Amino acid sequence: MKIGDLKNRIGRLEKRFDMKQSCIRVVVRGVTQEFALGLDQCIPIVDESRPARTGIKTMNLLNVPCNLNTNQLQCYLRQHADEICSSAGIGAG
């Protein structure tokens, strides 16, 4: 993939997720992991509790339980936003 193509894709994703600050977001989750909400809904919930910074922001969803209903998942994401975006294991949040 060319740099220009990559920048365009990142720009489209930033616009899609209404990112107000300039950052690159890396989301880590299991291939078979499914949640009651889609990533497009989970990301803003985490951002409410831990606003995006400039630079690279990582979100590690590997430890988020998959058996939560919508309300439980929303609460979990808000309560564990610091852990989800922590630097443990995958880089600075």
PDB file of N, CA and C in Angstrom:
ATOM      1  N   MET A   1       0.850  -1.180   0.000  1.00  0.00           N
ATOM      2  CA  MET A   1       0.000   0.000   0.000  1.00  0.00           C
ATOM      3  C   MET A   1       0.895   1.243   0.000  1.00  0.00           C
ATOM      4  N   LYS A   2       0.573   2.189  -0.823  1.00  0.00           N
ATOM      5  CA  LYS A   2       1.338   3.437  -0.915  1.00  0.00           C
ATOM      6  C   LYS A   2       0.990   4.360   0.249  1.00  0.00           C
ATOM      7  N   ILE A   3       1.937   5.215   0.603  1.00  0.00           N
ATOM      8  CA  ILE A   3       1.734   6.162   1.709  1.00  0.00           C
ATOM      9  C   ILE A   3       0.512   7.039   1.466  1.00  0.00           C
ATOM     10  N   GLY A   4       0.353   7.520   0.245  1.00  0.00           N
ATOM     11  CA  GLY A   4      -0.798   8.370  -0.070  1.00  0.00           C
ATOM     12  C   GLY A   4      -2.113   7.641   0.148  1.00  0.00           C
ATOM     13  N   ASP A   5      -2.161   6.368  -0.260  1.00  0.00           N
ATOM     14  CA  ASP A   5      -3.368   5.563  -0.052  1.00  0.00           C
ATOM     15  C   ASP A   5      -3.640   5.369   1.437  1.00  0.00           C
ATOM     16  N   LEU A   6      -2.569   5.123   2.201  1.00  0.00           N
ATOM     17  CA  LEU A   6      -2.701   4.929   3.637  1.00  0.00           C
ATOM     18  C   LEU A   6      -3.214   6.202   4.311  1.00  0.00           C
ATOM     19  N   LYS A   7      -2.661   7.355   3.926  1.00  0.00           N
ATOM     20  CA  LYS A   7      -3.114   8.629   4.497  1.00  0.00           C
ATOM     21  C   LYS A   7      -4.587   8.879   4.167  1.00  0.00           C
ATOM     22  N   ASN A   8      -4.988   8.560   2.946  1.00  0.00           N
ATOM     23  CA  ASN A   8      -6.389   8.737   2.561  1.00  0.00           C
ATOM     24  C   ASN A   8      -7.307   7.837   3.389  1.00  0.00           C
ATOM     25  N   ARG A   9      -6.880   6.591   3.580  1.00  0.00           N
ATOM     26  CA  ARG A   9      -7.688   5.657   4.372  1.00  0.00           C
ATOM     27  C   ARG A   9      -7.804   6.131   5.817  1.00  0.00           C
ATOM     28  N   ILE A  10      -6.697   6.569   6.397  1.00  0.00           N
ATOM     29  CA  ILE A  10      -6.723   7.086   7.772  1.00  0.00           C
ATOM     30  C   ILE A  10      -7.634   8.304   7.851  1.00  0.00           C
ATOM     31  N   GLY A  11      -7.553   9.183   6.853  1.00  0.00           N
ATOM     32  CA  GLY A  11      -8.417  10.363   6.821  1.00  0.00           C
ATOM     33  C   GLY A  11      -9.891   9.991   6.784  1.00  0.00           C
ATOM     34  N   ARG A  12     -10.228   8.985   5.970  1.00  0.00           N
ATOM     35  CA  ARG A  12     -11.626   8.541   5.894  1.00  0.00           C
ATOM     36  C   ARG A  12     -12.082   7.948   7.227  1.00  0.00           C
ATOM     37  N   LEU A  13     -11.212   7.183   7.876  1.00  0.00           N
ATOM     38  CA  LEU A  13     -11.558   6.598   9.170  1.00  0.00           C
ATOM     39  C   LEU A  13     -11.719   7.675  10.238  1.00  0.00           C
ATOM     40  N   GLU A  14     -10.830   8.676  10.228  1.00  0.00           N
ATOM     41  CA  GLU A  14     -10.964   9.781  11.180  1.00  0.00           C
ATOM     42  C   GLU A  14     -12.282  10.503  10.992  1.00  0.00           C
ATOM     43  N   LYS A  15     -12.645  10.730   9.752  1.00  0.00           N
ATOM     44  CA  LYS A  15     -13.910  11.406   9.460  1.00  0.00           C
ATOM     45  C   LYS A  15     -15.087  10.535   9.903  1.00  0.00           C
ATOM     46  N   ARG A  16     -14.993   9.234   9.631  1.00  0.00           N
ATOM     47  CA  ARG A  16     -16.068   8.298   9.986  1.00  0.00           C
ATOM     48  C   ARG A  16     -16.308   8.281  11.486  1.00  0.00           C
ATOM     49  N   PHE A  17     -15.227   8.275  12.275  1.00  0.00           N
ATOM     50  CA  PHE A  17     -15.356   8.226  13.722  1.00  0.00           C
ATOM     51  C   PHE A  17     -15.376   9.611  14.348  1.00  0.00           C
ATOM     52  N   ASP A  18     -15.472  10.649  13.515  1.00  0.00           N
ATOM     53  CA  ASP A  18     -15.583  12.031  13.980  1.00  0.00           C
ATOM     54  C   ASP A  18     -14.479  12.381  14.967  1.00  0.00           C
ATOM     55  N   MET A  19     -13.262  12.069  14.598  1.00  0.00           N
ATOM     56  CA  MET A  19     -12.127  12.350  15.479  1.00  0.00           C
ATOM     57  C   MET A  19     -11.786  13.824  15.407  1.00  0.00           C
ATOM     58  N   LYS A  20     -11.820  14.471  16.545  1.00  0.00           N
ATOM     59  CA  LYS A  20     -11.588  15.901  16.591  1.00  0.00           C
ATOM     60  C   LYS A  20     -10.103  16.230  16.730  1.00  0.00           C
ATOM     61  N   GLN A  21      -9.319  15.274  17.182  1.00  0.00           N
ATOM     62  CA  GLN A  21      -7.890  15.494  17.334  1.00  0.00           C
ATOM     63  C   GLN A  21      -7.148  14.572  16.375  1.00  0.00           C
ATOM     64  N   SER A  22      -5.980  14.989  16.002  1.00  0.00           N
ATOM     65  CA  SER A  22      -5.180  14.210  15.079  1.00  0.00           C
ATOM     66  C   SER A  22      -4.504  13.062  15.819  1.00  0.00           C
ATOM     67  N   CYS A  23      -4.922  11.831  15.530  1.00  0.00           N
ATOM     68  CA  CYS A  23      -4.278  10.673  16.126  1.00  0.00           C
ATOM     69  C   CYS A  23      -4.511   9.458  15.240  1.00  0.00           C
ATOM     70  N   ILE A  24      -3.670   8.473  15.429  1.00  0.00           N
ATOM     71  CA  ILE A  24      -3.842   7.185  14.768  1.00  0.00           C
ATOM     72  C   ILE A  24      -4.342   6.235  15.841  1.00  0.00           C
ATOM     73  N   ARG A  25      -5.374   5.484  15.534  1.00  0.00           N
ATOM     74  CA  ARG A  25      -5.978   4.573  16.499  1.00  0.00           C
ATOM     75  C   ARG A  25      -5.675   3.139  16.077  1.00  0.00           C
ATOM     76  N   VAL A  26      -5.184   2.365  17.040  1.00  0.00           N
ATOM     77  CA  VAL A  26      -4.934   0.945  16.818  1.00  0.00           C
ATOM     78  C   VAL A  26      -5.845   0.182  17.768  1.00  0.00           C
ATOM     79  N   VAL A  27      -6.735  -0.637  17.206  1.00  0.00           N
ATOM     80  CA  VAL A  27      -7.666  -1.416  18.014  1.00  0.00           C
ATOM     81  C   VAL A  27      -7.262  -2.884  17.922  1.00  0.00           C
ATOM     82  N   VAL A  28      -7.056  -3.499  19.077  1.00  0.00           N
ATOM     83  CA  VAL A  28      -6.667  -4.905  19.135  1.00  0.00           C
ATOM     84  C   VAL A  28      -7.828  -5.695  19.714  1.00  0.00           C
ATOM     85  N   ARG A  29      -8.254  -6.725  18.963  1.00  0.00           N
ATOM     86  CA  ARG A  29      -9.300  -7.616  19.452  1.00  0.00           C
ATOM     87  C   ARG A  29      -9.111  -8.978  18.808  1.00  0.00           C
ATOM     88  N   GLY A  30      -9.719  -9.970  19.393  1.00  0.00           N
ATOM     89  CA  GLY A  30      -9.620 -11.317  18.854  1.00  0.00           C
ATOM     90  C   GLY A  30     -10.415 -11.454  17.569  1.00  0.00           C
ATOM     91  N   VAL A  31      -9.933 -12.298  16.688  1.00  0.00           N
ATOM     92  CA  VAL A  31     -10.605 -12.503  15.401  1.00  0.00           C
ATOM     93  C   VAL A  31     -12.028 -13.008  15.602  1.00  0.00           C
ATOM     94  N   THR A  32     -12.228 -13.862  16.578  1.00  0.00           N
ATOM     95  CA  THR A  32     -13.559 -14.432  16.808  1.00  0.00           C
ATOM     96  C   THR A  32     -14.364 -13.671  17.849  1.00  0.00           C
ATOM     97  N   GLN A  33     -13.800 -12.597  18.383  1.00  0.00           N
ATOM     98  CA  GLN A  33     -14.484 -11.814  19.405  1.00  0.00           C
ATOM     99  C   GLN A  33     -15.656 -11.052  18.800  1.00  0.00           C
ATOM    100  N   GLU A  34     -16.837 -11.246  19.379  1.00  0.00           N
ATOM    101  CA  GLU A  34     -18.018 -10.489  18.959  1.00  0.00           C
ATOM    102  C   GLU A  34     -18.659  -9.874  20.193  1.00  0.00           C
ATOM    103  N   PHE A  35     -19.071  -8.630  20.044  1.00  0.00           N
ATOM    104  CA  PHE A  35     -19.686  -7.901  21.150  1.00  0.00           C
ATOM    105  C   PHE A  35     -21.124  -7.541  20.804  1.00  0.00           C
ATOM    106  N   ALA A  36     -21.886  -7.166  21.817  1.00  0.00           N
ATOM    107  CA  ALA A  36     -23.274  -6.740  21.612  1.00  0.00           C
ATOM    108  C   ALA A  36     -23.339  -5.436  20.812  1.00  0.00           C
ATOM    109  N   LEU A  37     -22.235  -4.679  20.786  1.00  0.00           N
ATOM    110  CA  LEU A  37     -22.137  -3.443  20.008  1.00  0.00           C
ATOM    111  C   LEU A  37     -20.987  -3.578  19.019  1.00  0.00           C
ATOM    112  N   GLY A  38     -21.082  -2.898  17.902  1.00  0.00           N
ATOM    113  CA  GLY A  38     -20.000  -2.881  16.929  1.00  0.00           C
ATOM    114  C   GLY A  38     -18.875  -1.967  17.381  1.00  0.00           C
ATOM    115  N   LEU A  39     -17.715  -2.109  16.743  1.00  0.00           N
ATOM    116  CA  LEU A  39     -16.574  -1.248  17.089  1.00  0.00           C
ATOM    117  C   LEU A  39     -16.911   0.226  16.914  1.00  0.00           C
ATOM    118  N   ASP A  40     -17.717   0.539  15.894  1.00  0.00           N
ATOM    119  CA  ASP A  40     -18.080   1.940  15.664  1.00  0.00           C
ATOM    120  C   ASP A  40     -18.888   2.513  16.816  1.00  0.00           C
ATOM    121  N   GLN A  41     -19.479   1.646  17.648  1.00  0.00           N
ATOM    122  CA  GLN A  41     -20.196   2.110  18.833  1.00  0.00           C
ATOM    123  C   GLN A  41     -19.329   2.016  20.086  1.00  0.00           C
ATOM    124  N   CYS A  42     -18.439   1.030  20.147  1.00  0.00           N
ATOM    125  CA  CYS A  42     -17.574   0.844  21.324  1.00  0.00           C
ATOM    126  C   CYS A  42     -16.535   1.959  21.452  1.00  0.00           C
ATOM    127  N   ILE A  43     -15.942   2.350  20.342  1.00  0.00           N
ATOM    128  CA  ILE A  43     -14.858   3.340  20.369  1.00  0.00           C
ATOM    129  C   ILE A  43     -15.307   4.668  20.975  1.00  0.00           C
ATOM    130  N   PRO A  44     -16.450   5.232  20.561  1.00  0.00           N
ATOM    131  CA  PRO A  44     -16.874   6.499  21.176  1.00  0.00           C
ATOM    132  C   PRO A  44     -17.177   6.372  22.678  1.00  0.00           C
ATOM    133  N   ILE A  45     -17.652   5.197  23.110  1.00  0.00           N
ATOM    134  CA  ILE A  45     -17.940   5.001  24.532  1.00  0.00           C
ATOM    135  C   ILE A  45     -16.648   5.076  25.339  1.00  0.00           C
ATOM    136  N   VAL A  46     -15.598   4.416  24.851  1.00  0.00           N
ATOM    137  CA  VAL A  46     -14.309   4.470  25.535  1.00  0.00           C
ATOM    138  C   VAL A  46     -13.770   5.901  25.502  1.00  0.00           C
ATOM    139  N   ASP A  47     -13.927   6.583  24.358  1.00  0.00           N
ATOM    140  CA  ASP A  47     -13.437   7.958  24.221  1.00  0.00           C
ATOM    141  C   ASP A  47     -14.132   8.923  25.177  1.00  0.00           C
ATOM    142  N   GLU A  48     -15.407   8.663  25.506  1.00  0.00           N
ATOM    143  CA  GLU A  48     -16.114   9.519  26.468  1.00  0.00           C
ATOM    144  C   GLU A  48     -15.404   9.495  27.816  1.00  0.00           C
ATOM    145  N   SER A  49     -14.919   8.321  28.195  1.00  0.00           N
ATOM    146  CA  SER A  49     -14.281   8.156  29.493  1.00  0.00           C
ATOM    147  C   SER A  49     -12.799   8.478  29.473  1.00  0.00           C
ATOM    148  N   ARG A  50     -12.200   8.361  28.307  1.00  0.00           N
ATOM    149  CA  ARG A  50     -10.763   8.621  28.167  1.00  0.00           C
ATOM    150  C   ARG A  50     -10.540   9.282  26.809  1.00  0.00           C
ATOM    151  N   PRO A  51     -10.685  10.593  26.749  1.00  0.00           N
ATOM    152  CA  PRO A  51     -10.603  11.310  25.474  1.00  0.00           C
ATOM    153  C   PRO A  51      -9.319  11.029  24.702  1.00  0.00           C
ATOM    154  N   ALA A  52      -9.445  11.031  23.386  1.00  0.00           N
ATOM    155  CA  ALA A  52      -8.302  10.769  22.507  1.00  0.00           C
ATOM    156  C   ALA A  52      -7.257  11.865  22.637  1.00  0.00           C
ATOM    157  N   ARG A  53      -6.015  11.456  22.607  1.00  0.00           N
ATOM    158  CA  ARG A  53      -4.906  12.396  22.581  1.00  0.00           C
ATOM    159  C   ARG A  53      -4.364  12.430  21.166  1.00  0.00           C
ATOM    160  N   THR A  54      -3.493  13.358  20.914  1.00  0.00           N
ATOM    161  CA  THR A  54      -2.835  13.353  19.617  1.00  0.00           C
ATOM    162  C   THR A  54      -1.784  12.249  19.621  1.00  0.00           C
ATOM    163  N   GLY A  55      -1.378  11.812  18.460  1.00  0.00           N
ATOM    164  CA  GLY A  55      -0.391  10.743  18.349  1.00  0.00           C
ATOM    165  C   GLY A  55      -1.065   9.416  18.078  1.00  0.00           C
ATOM    166  N   ILE A  56      -0.545   8.355  18.685  1.00  0.00           N
ATOM    167  CA  ILE A  56      -1.086   7.012  18.485  1.00  0.00           C
ATOM    168  C   ILE A  56      -1.863   6.600  19.725  1.00  0.00           C
ATOM    169  N   LYS A  57      -3.094   6.151  19.532  1.00  0.00           N
ATOM    170  CA  LYS A  57      -3.927   5.687  20.634  1.00  0.00           C
ATOM    171  C   LYS A  57      -4.215   4.210  20.416  1.00  0.00           C
ATOM    172  N   THR A  58      -3.921   3.398  21.429  1.00  0.00           N
ATOM    173  CA  THR A  58      -4.202   1.974  21.330  1.00  0.00           C
ATOM    174  C   THR A  58      -5.402   1.623  22.194  1.00  0.00           C
ATOM    175  N   MET A  59      -6.195   0.680  21.707  1.00  0.00           N
ATOM    176  CA  MET A  59      -7.332   0.156  22.460  1.00  0.00           C
ATOM    177  C   MET A  59      -7.226  -1.358  22.427  1.00  0.00           C
ATOM    178  N   ASN A  60      -7.031  -1.961  23.591  1.00  0.00           N
ATOM    179  CA  ASN A  60      -6.902  -3.404  23.684  1.00  0.00           C
ATOM    180  C   ASN A  60      -8.221  -3.974  24.194  1.00  0.00           C
ATOM    181  N   LEU A  61      -8.975  -4.616  23.305  1.00  0.00           N
ATOM    182  CA  LEU A  61     -10.269  -5.181  23.666  1.00  0.00           C
ATOM    183  C   LEU A  61     -10.201  -6.682  23.930  1.00  0.00           C
ATOM    184  N   LEU A  62      -8.997  -7.237  23.972  1.00  0.00           N
ATOM    185  CA  LEU A  62      -8.840  -8.682  24.149  1.00  0.00           C
ATOM    186  C   LEU A  62      -9.423  -9.195  25.461  1.00  0.00           C
ATOM    187  N   ASN A  63      -9.407  -8.387  26.510  1.00  0.00           N
ATOM    188  CA  ASN A  63      -9.904  -8.833  27.815  1.00  0.00           C
ATOM    189  C   ASN A  63     -11.345  -8.436  28.087  1.00  0.00           C
ATOM    190  N   VAL A  64     -12.012  -7.835  27.114  1.00  0.00           N
ATOM    191  CA  VAL A  64     -13.417  -7.461  27.292  1.00  0.00           C
ATOM    192  C   VAL A  64     -14.271  -8.723  27.127  1.00  0.00           C
ATOM    193  N   PRO A  65     -15.097  -9.050  28.122  1.00  0.00           N
ATOM    194  CA  PRO A  65     -15.933 -10.254  28.019  1.00  0.00           C
ATOM    195  C   PRO A  65     -16.904 -10.169  26.841  1.00  0.00           C
ATOM    196  N   CYS A  66     -17.074 -11.264  26.147  1.00  0.00           N
ATOM    197  CA  CYS A  66     -17.954 -11.290  24.969  1.00  0.00           C
ATOM    198  C   CYS A  66     -19.414 -11.577  25.317  1.00  0.00           C
ATOM    199  N   ASN A  67     -19.681 -12.038  26.536  1.00  0.00           N
ATOM    200  CA  ASN A  67     -21.035 -12.452  26.891  1.00  0.00           C
ATOM    201  C   ASN A  67     -21.871 -11.342  27.529  1.00  0.00           C
ATOM    202  N   LEU A  68     -21.479 -10.089  27.361  1.00  0.00           N
ATOM    203  CA  LEU A  68     -22.211  -8.962  27.953  1.00  0.00           C
ATOM    204  C   LEU A  68     -23.292  -8.468  27.009  1.00  0.00           C
ATOM    205  N   ASN A  69     -24.442  -8.091  27.576  1.00  0.00           N
ATOM    206  CA  ASN A  69     -25.480  -7.477  26.735  1.00  0.00           C
ATOM    207  C   ASN A  69     -25.095  -6.012  26.498  1.00  0.00           C
ATOM    208  N   THR A  70     -25.899  -5.308  25.752  1.00  0.00           N
ATOM    209  CA  THR A  70     -25.573  -3.936  25.360  1.00  0.00           C
ATOM    210  C   THR A  70     -25.314  -3.026  26.558  1.00  0.00           C
ATOM    211  N   ASN A  71     -26.203  -3.031  27.537  1.00  0.00           N
ATOM    212  CA  ASN A  71     -26.045  -2.155  28.704  1.00  0.00           C
ATOM    213  C   ASN A  71     -24.825  -2.536  29.527  1.00  0.00           C
ATOM    214  N   GLN A  72     -24.617  -3.828  29.733  1.00  0.00           N
ATOM    215  CA  GLN A  72     -23.455  -4.280  30.486  1.00  0.00           C
ATOM    216  C   GLN A  72     -22.152  -3.905  29.773  1.00  0.00           C
ATOM    217  N   LEU A  73     -22.139  -4.051  28.455  1.00  0.00           N
ATOM    218  CA  LEU A  73     -20.947  -3.713  27.680  1.00  0.00           C
ATOM    219  C   LEU A  73     -20.644  -2.220  27.778  1.00  0.00           C
ATOM    220  N   GLN A  74     -21.664  -1.387  27.658  1.00  0.00           N
ATOM    221  CA  GLN A  74     -21.461   0.055  27.782  1.00  0.00           C
ATOM    222  C   GLN A  74     -20.859   0.396  29.145  1.00  0.00           C
ATOM    223  N   CYS A  75     -21.400  -0.170  30.216  1.00  0.00           N
ATOM    224  CA  CYS A  75     -20.873   0.065  31.572  1.00  0.00           C
ATOM    225  C   CYS A  75     -19.439  -0.435  31.679  1.00  0.00           C
ATOM    226  N   TYR A  76     -19.171  -1.623  31.163  1.00  0.00           N
ATOM    227  CA  TYR A  76     -17.829  -2.197  31.239  1.00  0.00           C
ATOM    228  C   TYR A  76     -16.820  -1.301  30.524  1.00  0.00           C
ATOM    229  N   LEU A  77     -17.163  -0.850  29.328  1.00  0.00           N
ATOM    230  CA  LEU A  77     -16.252  -0.002  28.560  1.00  0.00           C
ATOM    231  C   LEU A  77     -15.962   1.306  29.288  1.00  0.00           C
ATOM    232  N   ARG A  78     -16.974   1.903  29.901  1.00  0.00           N
ATOM    233  CA  ARG A  78     -16.776   3.153  30.640  1.00  0.00           C
ATOM    234  C   ARG A  78     -15.922   2.926  31.892  1.00  0.00           C
ATOM    235  N   GLN A  79     -16.202   1.846  32.611  1.00  0.00           N
ATOM    236  CA  GLN A  79     -15.493   1.583  33.869  1.00  0.00           C
ATOM    237  C   GLN A  79     -14.056   1.131  33.641  1.00  0.00           C
ATOM    238  N   HIS A  80     -13.774   0.506  32.508  1.00  0.00           N
ATOM    239  CA  HIS A  80     -12.448  -0.045  32.248  1.00  0.00           C
ATOM    240  C   HIS A  80     -11.699   0.693  31.132  1.00  0.00           C
ATOM    241  N   ALA A  81     -12.111   1.909  30.832  1.00  0.00           N
ATOM    242  CA  ALA A  81     -11.488   2.669  29.737  1.00  0.00           C
ATOM    243  C   ALA A  81      -9.996   2.843  29.936  1.00  0.00           C
ATOM    244  N   ASP A  82      -9.570   3.082  31.170  1.00  0.00           N
ATOM    245  CA  ASP A  82      -8.139   3.258  31.428  1.00  0.00           C
ATOM    246  C   ASP A  82      -7.356   1.983  31.133  1.00  0.00           C
ATOM    247  N   GLU A  83      -7.922   0.826  31.513  1.00  0.00           N
ATOM    248  CA  GLU A  83      -7.268  -0.450  31.231  1.00  0.00           C
ATOM    249  C   GLU A  83      -7.251  -0.730  29.723  1.00  0.00           C
ATOM    250  N   ILE A  84      -8.358  -0.460  29.068  1.00  0.00           N
ATOM    251  CA  ILE A  84      -8.470  -0.718  27.633  1.00  0.00           C
ATOM    252  C   ILE A  84      -7.457   0.113  26.862  1.00  0.00           C
ATOM    253  N   CYS A  85      -7.190   1.312  27.332  1.00  0.00           N
ATOM    254  CA  CYS A  85      -6.260   2.212  26.645  1.00  0.00           C
ATOM    255  C   CYS A  85      -4.890   2.293  27.323  1.00  0.00           C
ATOM    256  N   SER A  86      -4.623   1.406  28.254  1.00  0.00           N
ATOM    257  CA  SER A  86      -3.342   1.451  28.970  1.00  0.00           C
ATOM    258  C   SER A  86      -2.203   1.009  28.077  1.00  0.00           C
ATOM    259  N   SER A  87      -1.004   1.210  28.569  1.00  0.00           N
ATOM    260  CA  SER A  87       0.179   0.844  27.791  1.00  0.00           C
ATOM    261  C   SER A  87       0.581  -0.605  28.016  1.00  0.00           C
ATOM    262  N   ALA A  88      -0.150  -1.334  28.833  1.00  0.00           N
ATOM    263  CA  ALA A  88       0.241  -2.711  29.161  1.00  0.00           C
ATOM    264  C   ALA A  88       0.238  -3.606  27.932  1.00  0.00           C
ATOM    265  N   GLY A  89       1.413  -3.973  27.514  1.00  0.00           N
ATOM    266  CA  GLY A  89       1.559  -4.991  26.491  1.00  0.00           C
ATOM    267  C   GLY A  89       1.542  -4.539  25.046  1.00  0.00           C
ATOM    268  N   ILE A  90       0.849  -3.456  24.700  1.00  0.00           N
ATOM    269  CA  ILE A  90       0.728  -3.139  23.280  1.00  0.00           C
ATOM    270  C   ILE A  90       1.108  -1.714  22.918  1.00  0.00           C
ATOM    271  N   GLY A  91       1.675  -0.969  23.797  1.00  0.00           N
ATOM    272  CA  GLY A  91       2.095   0.389  23.438  1.00  0.00           C
ATOM    273  C   GLY A  91       1.342   1.440  24.227  1.00  0.00           C
ATOM    274  N   ALA A  92       1.771   2.669  24.097  1.00  0.00           N
ATOM    275  CA  ALA A  92       1.184   3.778  24.856  1.00  0.00           C
ATOM    276  C   ALA A  92      -0.225   4.074  24.404  1.00  0.00           C
ATOM    277  N   GLY A  93      -1.082   4.412  25.359  1.00  0.00           N
ATOM    278  CA  GLY A  93      -2.463   4.721  25.055  1.00  0.00           C
ATOM    279  C   GLY A  93      -2.724   6.163  24.892  1.00  0.00           C
TER     280      GLY A  93
END
